[in-house]
């Protein structure tokens, strides 16, 4: 069976946690940060779990993750 290609854009965005869950970054922390509270920016800095409905698509994009 031939090797499968990884989607490089997805490889830069997702990673696996220690327990095997798919993790992603949160949105809305790229610009206009001066009017967002430090609490909000701190919350957005943390990783979030990929929703179970999207996880299947991410798995297909990253066959060796």
N, C-alpha and C. Protein backbone atom coordinates (compact mmCIF):
# COMPACT_ATOMS: atom_id res chain seq x y z
N UNK A 1 0.85 -1.18 0.00
CA UNK A 1 0.00 0.00 0.00
C UNK A 1 0.89 1.25 0.00
N UNK A 2 0.57 2.23 -0.83
CA UNK A 2 1.43 3.42 -0.89
C UNK A 2 1.32 4.27 0.36
N UNK A 3 2.34 5.09 0.53
CA UNK A 3 2.31 6.00 1.67
C UNK A 3 1.24 7.06 1.44
N UNK A 4 0.65 7.53 2.52
CA UNK A 4 -0.38 8.57 2.44
C UNK A 4 0.24 9.93 2.68
N UNK A 5 -0.25 10.93 2.00
CA UNK A 5 0.27 12.28 2.18
C UNK A 5 -0.46 13.00 3.30
N UNK A 6 0.32 13.76 4.06
CA UNK A 6 -0.23 14.60 5.11
C UNK A 6 -0.58 15.95 4.53
N UNK A 7 -1.71 16.51 4.91
CA UNK A 7 -2.04 17.88 4.52
C UNK A 7 -1.23 18.81 5.41
N UNK A 8 -0.27 19.52 4.82
CA UNK A 8 0.67 20.31 5.61
C UNK A 8 -0.01 21.46 6.34
N UNK A 9 -1.07 22.01 5.76
CA UNK A 9 -1.78 23.09 6.44
C UNK A 9 -2.40 22.58 7.74
N UNK A 10 -2.91 21.36 7.72
CA UNK A 10 -3.51 20.78 8.92
C UNK A 10 -2.43 20.40 9.93
N UNK A 11 -1.27 19.97 9.45
CA UNK A 11 -0.19 19.57 10.34
C UNK A 11 0.29 20.74 11.18
N UNK A 12 0.18 21.95 10.64
CA UNK A 12 0.60 23.14 11.37
C UNK A 12 -0.44 23.58 12.39
N UNK A 13 -1.67 23.13 12.27
CA UNK A 13 -2.77 23.63 13.10
C UNK A 13 -3.19 22.69 14.22
N UNK A 14 -2.93 21.40 14.06
CA UNK A 14 -3.43 20.43 15.03
C UNK A 14 -2.30 19.60 15.61
N UNK A 15 -2.50 19.15 16.85
CA UNK A 15 -1.57 18.20 17.45
C UNK A 15 -2.33 17.32 18.42
N UNK A 16 -1.66 16.28 18.88
CA UNK A 16 -2.28 15.33 19.78
C UNK A 16 -1.90 15.62 21.22
N UNK A 17 -2.86 15.45 22.11
CA UNK A 17 -2.57 15.61 23.53
C UNK A 17 -1.98 14.31 24.05
N UNK A 18 -1.57 14.34 25.30
CA UNK A 18 -0.99 13.14 25.89
C UNK A 18 -1.96 11.98 25.97
N UNK A 19 -3.25 12.30 26.11
CA UNK A 19 -4.25 11.24 26.19
C UNK A 19 -4.79 10.84 24.81
N UNK A 20 -4.28 11.47 23.75
CA UNK A 20 -4.65 11.07 22.39
C UNK A 20 -5.72 11.91 21.74
N UNK A 21 -6.18 12.98 22.42
CA UNK A 21 -7.20 13.84 21.83
C UNK A 21 -6.56 14.81 20.86
N UNK A 22 -7.33 15.25 19.87
CA UNK A 22 -6.85 16.25 18.92
C UNK A 22 -7.05 17.64 19.52
N UNK A 23 -6.00 18.45 19.48
CA UNK A 23 -6.05 19.78 20.06
C UNK A 23 -5.88 20.84 18.97
N UNK A 24 -6.48 22.00 19.21
CA UNK A 24 -6.41 23.12 18.27
C UNK A 24 -6.21 24.41 19.04
N UNK A 25 -5.81 25.46 18.32
CA UNK A 25 -5.73 26.78 18.93
C UNK A 25 -7.08 27.45 18.86
N UNK A 26 -7.30 28.43 19.73
CA UNK A 26 -8.56 29.16 19.72
C UNK A 26 -8.47 30.35 18.78
N UNK A 27 -9.62 30.77 18.26
CA UNK A 27 -9.69 31.89 17.33
C UNK A 27 -9.72 33.21 18.09
N UNK A 28 -9.62 34.30 17.35
CA UNK A 28 -9.79 35.68 17.84
C UNK A 28 -8.63 36.19 18.68
N UNK A 29 -7.42 35.70 18.46
CA UNK A 29 -6.28 36.26 19.19
C UNK A 29 -5.17 36.67 18.22
N UNK A 30 -5.54 37.28 17.10
CA UNK A 30 -4.55 37.68 16.11
C UNK A 30 -4.33 39.18 16.06
N UNK A 31 -5.37 39.97 16.18
CA UNK A 31 -5.19 41.41 16.05
C UNK A 31 -6.23 42.13 16.90
N UNK A 32 -6.09 43.43 16.99
CA UNK A 32 -6.97 44.27 17.82
C UNK A 32 -6.96 43.78 19.27
N UNK A 33 -5.77 43.53 19.79
CA UNK A 33 -5.64 42.95 21.12
C UNK A 33 -5.70 44.01 22.21
N UNK A 34 -5.53 45.27 21.85
CA UNK A 34 -5.45 46.29 22.91
C UNK A 34 -6.79 46.54 23.58
N UNK A 35 -7.90 46.22 22.93
CA UNK A 35 -9.19 46.43 23.58
C UNK A 35 -9.76 45.16 24.20
N UNK A 36 -9.05 44.04 24.07
CA UNK A 36 -9.48 42.81 24.73
C UNK A 36 -8.82 42.73 26.10
N UNK A 37 -9.56 42.25 27.07
CA UNK A 37 -9.03 42.18 28.43
C UNK A 37 -7.94 41.11 28.50
N UNK A 38 -7.05 41.26 29.47
CA UNK A 38 -5.97 40.29 29.63
C UNK A 38 -6.52 38.93 30.01
N UNK A 39 -7.64 38.91 30.73
CA UNK A 39 -8.28 37.63 31.08
C UNK A 39 -8.75 36.91 29.82
N UNK A 40 -9.36 37.69 28.93
CA UNK A 40 -9.86 37.10 27.69
C UNK A 40 -8.72 36.61 26.82
N UNK A 41 -7.65 37.39 26.73
CA UNK A 41 -6.49 36.98 25.93
C UNK A 41 -5.84 35.73 26.52
N UNK A 42 -5.82 35.66 27.83
CA UNK A 42 -5.25 34.49 28.50
C UNK A 42 -6.06 33.24 28.19
N UNK A 43 -7.39 33.38 28.23
CA UNK A 43 -8.27 32.25 27.90
C UNK A 43 -8.07 31.80 26.46
N UNK A 44 -7.89 32.76 25.54
CA UNK A 44 -7.73 32.42 24.13
C UNK A 44 -6.38 31.79 23.83
N UNK A 45 -5.42 31.95 24.74
CA UNK A 45 -4.08 31.40 24.51
C UNK A 45 -4.05 29.89 24.71
N UNK A 46 -4.98 29.38 25.47
CA UNK A 46 -4.97 27.95 25.79
C UNK A 46 -5.44 27.11 24.60
N UNK A 47 -5.06 25.85 24.61
CA UNK A 47 -5.50 24.93 23.57
C UNK A 47 -6.90 24.44 23.86
N UNK A 48 -7.62 24.08 22.82
CA UNK A 48 -8.96 23.54 22.95
C UNK A 48 -9.02 22.20 22.22
N UNK A 49 -9.93 21.38 22.64
CA UNK A 49 -10.11 20.07 22.00
C UNK A 49 -10.92 20.24 20.72
N UNK A 50 -10.56 19.50 19.68
CA UNK A 50 -11.33 19.51 18.44
C UNK A 50 -12.65 18.81 18.69
N UNK A 51 -13.73 19.38 18.20
CA UNK A 51 -15.06 18.80 18.40
C UNK A 51 -15.13 17.42 17.75
N UNK A 52 -15.89 16.53 18.36
CA UNK A 52 -15.94 15.14 17.87
C UNK A 52 -16.45 15.03 16.43
N UNK A 53 -17.29 15.98 16.01
CA UNK A 53 -17.79 15.93 14.63
C UNK A 53 -16.72 16.34 13.63
N UNK A 54 -15.76 17.16 14.05
CA UNK A 54 -14.69 17.58 13.15
C UNK A 54 -13.48 16.67 13.24
N UNK A 55 -13.38 15.91 14.30
CA UNK A 55 -12.20 15.10 14.54
C UNK A 55 -11.97 14.08 13.42
N UNK A 56 -13.02 13.53 12.88
CA UNK A 56 -12.89 12.53 11.81
C UNK A 56 -12.21 13.13 10.58
N UNK A 57 -12.59 14.36 10.21
CA UNK A 57 -11.97 15.02 9.07
C UNK A 57 -10.50 15.32 9.33
N UNK A 58 -10.19 15.74 10.55
CA UNK A 58 -8.80 16.04 10.90
C UNK A 58 -7.97 14.77 10.84
N UNK A 59 -8.52 13.66 11.30
CA UNK A 59 -7.81 12.38 11.25
C UNK A 59 -7.47 11.99 9.82
N UNK A 60 -8.39 12.26 8.89
CA UNK A 60 -8.14 11.93 7.49
C UNK A 60 -7.04 12.80 6.90
N UNK A 61 -6.96 14.05 7.36
CA UNK A 61 -5.94 14.96 6.84
C UNK A 61 -4.56 14.64 7.40
N UNK A 62 -4.52 13.99 8.56
CA UNK A 62 -3.26 13.69 9.25
C UNK A 62 -3.16 12.20 9.52
N UNK A 63 -2.84 11.40 8.52
CA UNK A 63 -2.88 9.95 8.69
C UNK A 63 -1.84 9.42 9.68
N UNK A 64 -0.75 10.15 9.93
CA UNK A 64 0.30 9.63 10.80
C UNK A 64 0.42 10.40 12.11
N UNK A 65 -0.58 11.19 12.45
CA UNK A 65 -0.53 11.96 13.69
C UNK A 65 -0.83 11.06 14.88
